[in-house]
Amino acid sequence: MKFLKSVIHEMKKVTWPTRKQLYRDTRVVFGTAIIFAVVLFVFDTSIKTLIQAILSLR
């Protein structure tokens, strides 16, 4: 029981983000994920094309 009381006490100290901050941070996370996905796709496609070109020279 003491543990639960201390958890509740600590949760009252937490500074929760406002709705505006939450939306902004969510957009940043999704934007960053999309950028990384595109960059990884470009690298993956480039490496795949390079390896296929090297293998076709044999």
PDB file of N, CA and C in Angstrom:
ATOM      1  N   MET A   1       0.821  -1.190   0.000  1.00  0.00           N
ATOM      2  CA  MET A   1       0.000   0.000   0.000  1.00  0.00           C
ATOM      3  C   MET A   1       0.870   1.262   0.000  1.00  0.00           C
ATOM      4  N   LYS A   2       1.982   1.200   0.722  1.00  0.00           N
ATOM      5  CA  LYS A   2       2.873   2.344   0.785  1.00  0.00           C
ATOM      6  C   LYS A   2       3.437   2.656  -0.607  1.00  0.00           C
ATOM      7  N   PHE A   3       3.732   1.587  -1.346  1.00  0.00           N
ATOM      8  CA  PHE A   3       4.259   1.772  -2.699  1.00  0.00           C
ATOM      9  C   PHE A   3       3.265   2.536  -3.570  1.00  0.00           C
ATOM     10  N   LEU A   4       1.994   2.151  -3.539  1.00  0.00           N
ATOM     11  CA  LEU A   4       0.974   2.815  -4.349  1.00  0.00           C
ATOM     12  C   LEU A   4       0.815   4.277  -3.950  1.00  0.00           C
ATOM     13  N   LYS A   5       0.877   4.562  -2.687  1.00  0.00           N
ATOM     14  CA  LYS A   5       0.775   5.947  -2.219  1.00  0.00           C
ATOM     15  C   LYS A   5       1.954   6.772  -2.719  1.00  0.00           C
ATOM     16  N   SER A   6       3.143   6.172  -2.704  1.00  0.00           N
ATOM     17  CA  SER A   6       4.313   6.910  -3.182  1.00  0.00           C
ATOM     18  C   SER A   6       4.241   7.112  -4.701  1.00  0.00           C
ATOM     19  N   VAL A   7       3.687   6.141  -5.414  1.00  0.00           N
ATOM     20  CA  VAL A   7       3.511   6.302  -6.857  1.00  0.00           C
ATOM     21  C   VAL A   7       2.548   7.450  -7.140  1.00  0.00           C
ATOM     22  N   ILE A   8       1.441   7.489  -6.447  1.00  0.00           N
ATOM     23  CA  ILE A   8       0.454   8.567  -6.637  1.00  0.00           C
ATOM     24  C   ILE A   8       1.085   9.912  -6.299  1.00  0.00           C
ATOM     25  N   HIS A   9       1.855   9.963  -5.231  1.00  0.00           N
ATOM     26  CA  HIS A   9       2.525  11.208  -4.839  1.00  0.00           C
ATOM     27  C   HIS A   9       3.493  11.676  -5.930  1.00  0.00           C
ATOM     28  N   GLU A  10       4.265  10.750  -6.489  1.00  0.00           N
ATOM     29  CA  GLU A  10       5.217  11.105  -7.544  1.00  0.00           C
ATOM     30  C   GLU A  10       4.504  11.516  -8.833  1.00  0.00           C
ATOM     31  N   MET A  11       3.398  10.873  -9.154  1.00  0.00           N
ATOM     32  CA  MET A  11       2.661  11.207 -10.375  1.00  0.00           C
ATOM     33  C   MET A  11       2.073  12.621 -10.300  1.00  0.00           C
ATOM     34  N   LYS A  12       1.802  13.098  -9.104  1.00  0.00           N
ATOM     35  CA  LYS A  12       1.307  14.462  -8.948  1.00  0.00           C
ATOM     36  C   LYS A  12       2.396  15.488  -9.249  1.00  0.00           C
ATOM     37  N   LYS A  13       3.656  15.084  -9.177  1.00  0.00           N
ATOM     38  CA  LYS A  13       4.774  15.981  -9.459  1.00  0.00           C
ATOM     39  C   LYS A  13       5.082  16.083 -10.956  1.00  0.00           C
ATOM     40  N   VAL A  14       4.527  15.174 -11.735  1.00  0.00           N
ATOM     41  CA  VAL A  14       4.820  15.133 -13.169  1.00  0.00           C
ATOM     42  C   VAL A  14       4.209  16.344 -13.861  1.00  0.00           C
ATOM     43  N   THR A  15       4.977  16.950 -14.751  1.00  0.00           N
ATOM     44  CA  THR A  15       4.477  18.055 -15.563  1.00  0.00           C
ATOM     45  C   THR A  15       4.007  17.472 -16.893  1.00  0.00           C
ATOM     46  N   TRP A  16       2.716  17.451 -17.099  1.00  0.00           N
ATOM     47  CA  TRP A  16       2.150  16.867 -18.303  1.00  0.00           C
ATOM     48  C   TRP A  16       2.135  17.903 -19.420  1.00  0.00           C
ATOM     49  N   PRO A  17       2.350  17.475 -20.678  1.00  0.00           N
ATOM     50  CA  PRO A  17       2.346  18.435 -21.791  1.00  0.00           C
ATOM     51  C   PRO A  17       0.923  18.935 -22.078  1.00  0.00           C
ATOM     52  N   THR A  18       0.860  20.132 -22.630  1.00  0.00           N
ATOM     53  CA  THR A  18      -0.442  20.655 -23.044  1.00  0.00           C
ATOM     54  C   THR A  18      -0.846  19.957 -24.340  1.00  0.00           C
ATOM     55  N   ARG A  19      -2.090  20.119 -24.725  1.00  0.00           N
ATOM     56  CA  ARG A  19      -2.578  19.497 -25.956  1.00  0.00           C
ATOM     57  C   ARG A  19      -1.794  20.020 -27.158  1.00  0.00           C
ATOM     58  N   LYS A  20      -1.475  21.309 -27.150  1.00  0.00           N
ATOM     59  CA  LYS A  20      -0.716  21.903 -28.253  1.00  0.00           C
ATOM     60  C   LYS A  20       0.689  21.294 -28.340  1.00  0.00           C
ATOM     61  N   GLN A  21       1.350  21.154 -27.203  1.00  0.00           N
ATOM     62  CA  GLN A  21       2.682  20.550 -27.178  1.00  0.00           C
ATOM     63  C   GLN A  21       2.632  19.097 -27.638  1.00  0.00           C
ATOM     64  N   LEU A  22       1.597  18.393 -27.212  1.00  0.00           N
ATOM     65  CA  LEU A  22       1.454  16.988 -27.577  1.00  0.00           C
ATOM     66  C   LEU A  22       1.294  16.828 -29.089  1.00  0.00           C
ATOM     67  N   TYR A  23       0.448  17.650 -29.705  1.00  0.00           N
ATOM     68  CA  TYR A  23       0.268  17.589 -31.157  1.00  0.00           C
ATOM     69  C   TYR A  23       1.566  17.944 -31.883  1.00  0.00           C
ATOM     70  N   ARG A  24       2.258  18.974 -31.412  1.00  0.00           N
ATOM     71  CA  ARG A  24       3.504  19.382 -32.050  1.00  0.00           C
ATOM     72  C   ARG A  24       4.547  18.271 -31.968  1.00  0.00           C
ATOM     73  N   ASP A  25       4.713  17.706 -30.792  1.00  0.00           N
ATOM     74  CA  ASP A  25       5.700  16.648 -30.610  1.00  0.00           C
ATOM     75  C   ASP A  25       5.338  15.403 -31.420  1.00  0.00           C
ATOM     76  N   THR A  26       4.051  15.101 -31.523  1.00  0.00           N
ATOM     77  CA  THR A  26       3.616  13.956 -32.316  1.00  0.00           C
ATOM     78  C   THR A  26       3.931  14.176 -33.785  1.00  0.00           C
ATOM     79  N   ARG A  27       3.698  15.387 -34.274  1.00  0.00           N
ATOM     80  CA  ARG A  27       4.026  15.701 -35.682  1.00  0.00           C
ATOM     81  C   ARG A  27       5.527  15.579 -35.920  1.00  0.00           C
ATOM     82  N   VAL A  28       6.338  16.016 -34.960  1.00  0.00           N
ATOM     83  CA  VAL A  28       7.785  15.910 -35.101  1.00  0.00           C
ATOM     84  C   VAL A  28       8.202  14.440 -35.172  1.00  0.00           C
ATOM     85  N   VAL A  29       7.629  13.602 -34.326  1.00  0.00           N
ATOM     86  CA  VAL A  29       7.968  12.176 -34.321  1.00  0.00           C
ATOM     87  C   VAL A  29       7.575  11.532 -35.653  1.00  0.00           C
ATOM     88  N   PHE A  30       6.353  11.786 -36.127  1.00  0.00           N
ATOM     89  CA  PHE A  30       5.923  11.199 -37.397  1.00  0.00           C
ATOM     90  C   PHE A  30       6.751  11.736 -38.563  1.00  0.00           C
ATOM     91  N   GLY A  31       7.045  13.018 -38.543  1.00  0.00           N
ATOM     92  CA  GLY A  31       7.862  13.608 -39.602  1.00  0.00           C
ATOM     93  C   GLY A  31       9.248  13.003 -39.641  1.00  0.00           C
ATOM     94  N   THR A  32       9.849  12.850 -38.477  1.00  0.00           N
ATOM     95  CA  THR A  32      11.177  12.255 -38.402  1.00  0.00           C
ATOM     96  C   THR A  32      11.148  10.804 -38.877  1.00  0.00           C
ATOM     97  N   ALA A  33      10.127  10.067 -38.492  1.00  0.00           N
ATOM     98  CA  ALA A  33      10.012   8.666 -38.915  1.00  0.00           C
ATOM     99  C   ALA A  33       9.873   8.571 -40.429  1.00  0.00           C
ATOM    100  N   ILE A  34       9.100   9.466 -41.027  1.00  0.00           N
ATOM    101  CA  ILE A  34       8.924   9.458 -42.481  1.00  0.00           C
ATOM    102  C   ILE A  34      10.236   9.797 -43.182  1.00  0.00           C
ATOM    103  N   ILE A  35      10.949  10.794 -42.666  1.00  0.00           N
ATOM    104  CA  ILE A  35      12.231  11.177 -43.266  1.00  0.00           C
ATOM    105  C   ILE A  35      13.217  10.009 -43.202  1.00  0.00           C
ATOM    106  N   PHE A  36      13.309   9.359 -42.046  1.00  0.00           N
ATOM    107  CA  PHE A  36      14.213   8.214 -41.921  1.00  0.00           C
ATOM    108  C   PHE A  36      13.794   7.081 -42.855  1.00  0.00           C
ATOM    109  N   ALA A  37      12.498   6.854 -42.989  1.00  0.00           N
ATOM    110  CA  ALA A  37      12.023   5.793 -43.879  1.00  0.00           C
ATOM    111  C   ALA A  37      12.421   6.082 -45.326  1.00  0.00           C
ATOM    112  N   VAL A  38      12.279   7.330 -45.744  1.00  0.00           N
ATOM    113  CA  VAL A  38      12.648   7.696 -47.112  1.00  0.00           C
ATOM    114  C   VAL A  38      14.152   7.555 -47.320  1.00  0.00           C
ATOM    115  N   VAL A  39      14.945   8.034 -46.368  1.00  0.00           N
ATOM    116  CA  VAL A  39      16.403   7.939 -46.487  1.00  0.00           C
ATOM    117  C   VAL A  39      16.841   6.474 -46.535  1.00  0.00           C
ATOM    118  N   LEU A  40      16.286   5.646 -45.654  1.00  0.00           N
ATOM    119  CA  LEU A  40      16.639   4.228 -45.665  1.00  0.00           C
ATOM    120  C   LEU A  40      16.202   3.555 -46.958  1.00  0.00           C
ATOM    121  N   PHE A  41      15.043   3.936 -47.491  1.00  0.00           N
ATOM    122  CA  PHE A  41      14.587   3.382 -48.763  1.00  0.00           C
ATOM    123  C   PHE A  41      15.562   3.735 -49.890  1.00  0.00           C
ATOM    124  N   VAL A  42      15.996   4.988 -49.922  1.00  0.00           N
ATOM    125  CA  VAL A  42      16.936   5.430 -50.964  1.00  0.00           C
ATOM    126  C   VAL A  42      18.262   4.669 -50.834  1.00  0.00           C
ATOM    127  N   PHE A  43      18.794   4.562 -49.609  1.00  0.00           N
ATOM    128  CA  PHE A  43      20.037   3.823 -49.410  1.00  0.00           C
ATOM    129  C   PHE A  43      19.879   2.360 -49.792  1.00  0.00           C
ATOM    130  N   ASP A  44      18.792   1.753 -49.376  1.00  0.00           N
ATOM    131  CA  ASP A  44      18.563   0.342 -49.659  1.00  0.00           C
ATOM    132  C   ASP A  44      18.459   0.101 -51.162  1.00  0.00           C
ATOM    133  N   THR A  45      17.711   0.949 -51.849  1.00  0.00           N
ATOM    134  CA  THR A  45      17.559   0.812 -53.292  1.00  0.00           C
ATOM    135  C   THR A  45      18.889   1.035 -54.007  1.00  0.00           C
ATOM    136  N   SER A  46      19.656   2.006 -53.553  1.00  0.00           N
ATOM    137  CA  SER A  46      20.959   2.288 -54.163  1.00  0.00           C
ATOM    138  C   SER A  46      21.919   1.118 -53.983  1.00  0.00           C
ATOM    139  N   ILE A  47      21.994   0.596 -52.777  1.00  0.00           N
ATOM    140  CA  ILE A  47      22.882  -0.529 -52.513  1.00  0.00           C
ATOM    141  C   ILE A  47      22.445  -1.756 -53.305  1.00  0.00           C
ATOM    142  N   LYS A  48      21.137  -1.997 -53.367  1.00  0.00           N
ATOM    143  CA  LYS A  48      20.623  -3.137 -54.133  1.00  0.00           C
ATOM    144  C   LYS A  48      20.994  -3.011 -55.604  1.00  0.00           C
ATOM    145  N   THR A  49      20.825  -1.819 -56.159  1.00  0.00           N
ATOM    146  CA  THR A  49      21.162  -1.587 -57.564  1.00  0.00           C
ATOM    147  C   THR A  49      22.659  -1.759 -57.794  1.00  0.00           C
ATOM    148  N   LEU A  50      23.481  -1.262 -56.890  1.00  0.00           N
ATOM    149  CA  LEU A  50      24.931  -1.389 -57.005  1.00  0.00           C
ATOM    150  C   LEU A  50      25.360  -2.859 -56.962  1.00  0.00           C
ATOM    151  N   ILE A  51      24.812  -3.601 -56.032  1.00  0.00           N
ATOM    152  CA  ILE A  51      25.168  -5.032 -55.915  1.00  0.00           C
ATOM    153  C   ILE A  51      24.710  -5.793 -57.152  1.00  0.00           C
ATOM    154  N   GLN A  52      23.521  -5.488 -57.654  1.00  0.00           N
ATOM    155  CA  GLN A  52      23.053  -6.168 -58.868  1.00  0.00           C
ATOM    156  C   GLN A  52      23.939  -5.823 -60.052  1.00  0.00           C
ATOM    157  N   ALA A  53      24.408  -4.582 -60.149  1.00  0.00           N
ATOM    158  CA  ALA A  53      25.305  -4.197 -61.232  1.00  0.00           C
ATOM    159  C   ALA A  53      26.641  -4.926 -61.126  1.00  0.00           C
ATOM    160  N   ILE A  54      27.154  -5.034 -59.913  1.00  0.00           N
ATOM    161  CA  ILE A  54      28.423  -5.747 -59.724  1.00  0.00           C
ATOM    162  C   ILE A  54      28.276  -7.220 -60.061  1.00  0.00           C
ATOM    163  N   LEU A  55      27.193  -7.823 -59.641  1.00  0.00           N
ATOM    164  CA  LEU A  55      26.990  -9.252 -59.895  1.00  0.00           C
ATOM    165  C   LEU A  55      26.733  -9.529 -61.375  1.00  0.00           C
ATOM    166  N   SER A  56      26.176  -8.586 -62.080  1.00  0.00           N
ATOM    167  CA  SER A  56      25.894  -8.818 -63.503  1.00  0.00           C
ATOM    168  C   SER A  56      27.144  -8.702 -64.360  1.00  0.00           C
ATOM    169  N   LEU A  57      28.231  -8.178 -63.804  1.00  0.00           N
ATOM    170  CA  LEU A  57      29.489  -8.067 -64.552  1.00  0.00           C
ATOM    171  C   LEU A  57      30.190  -9.406 -64.674  1.00  0.00           C
ATOM    172  N   ARG A  58      29.849 -10.344 -63.850  1.00  0.00           N
ATOM    173  CA  ARG A  58      30.516 -11.657 -63.863  1.00  0.00           C
ATOM    174  C   ARG A  58      30.221 -12.402 -65.098  1.00  0.00           C
TER     175      ARG A  58
END
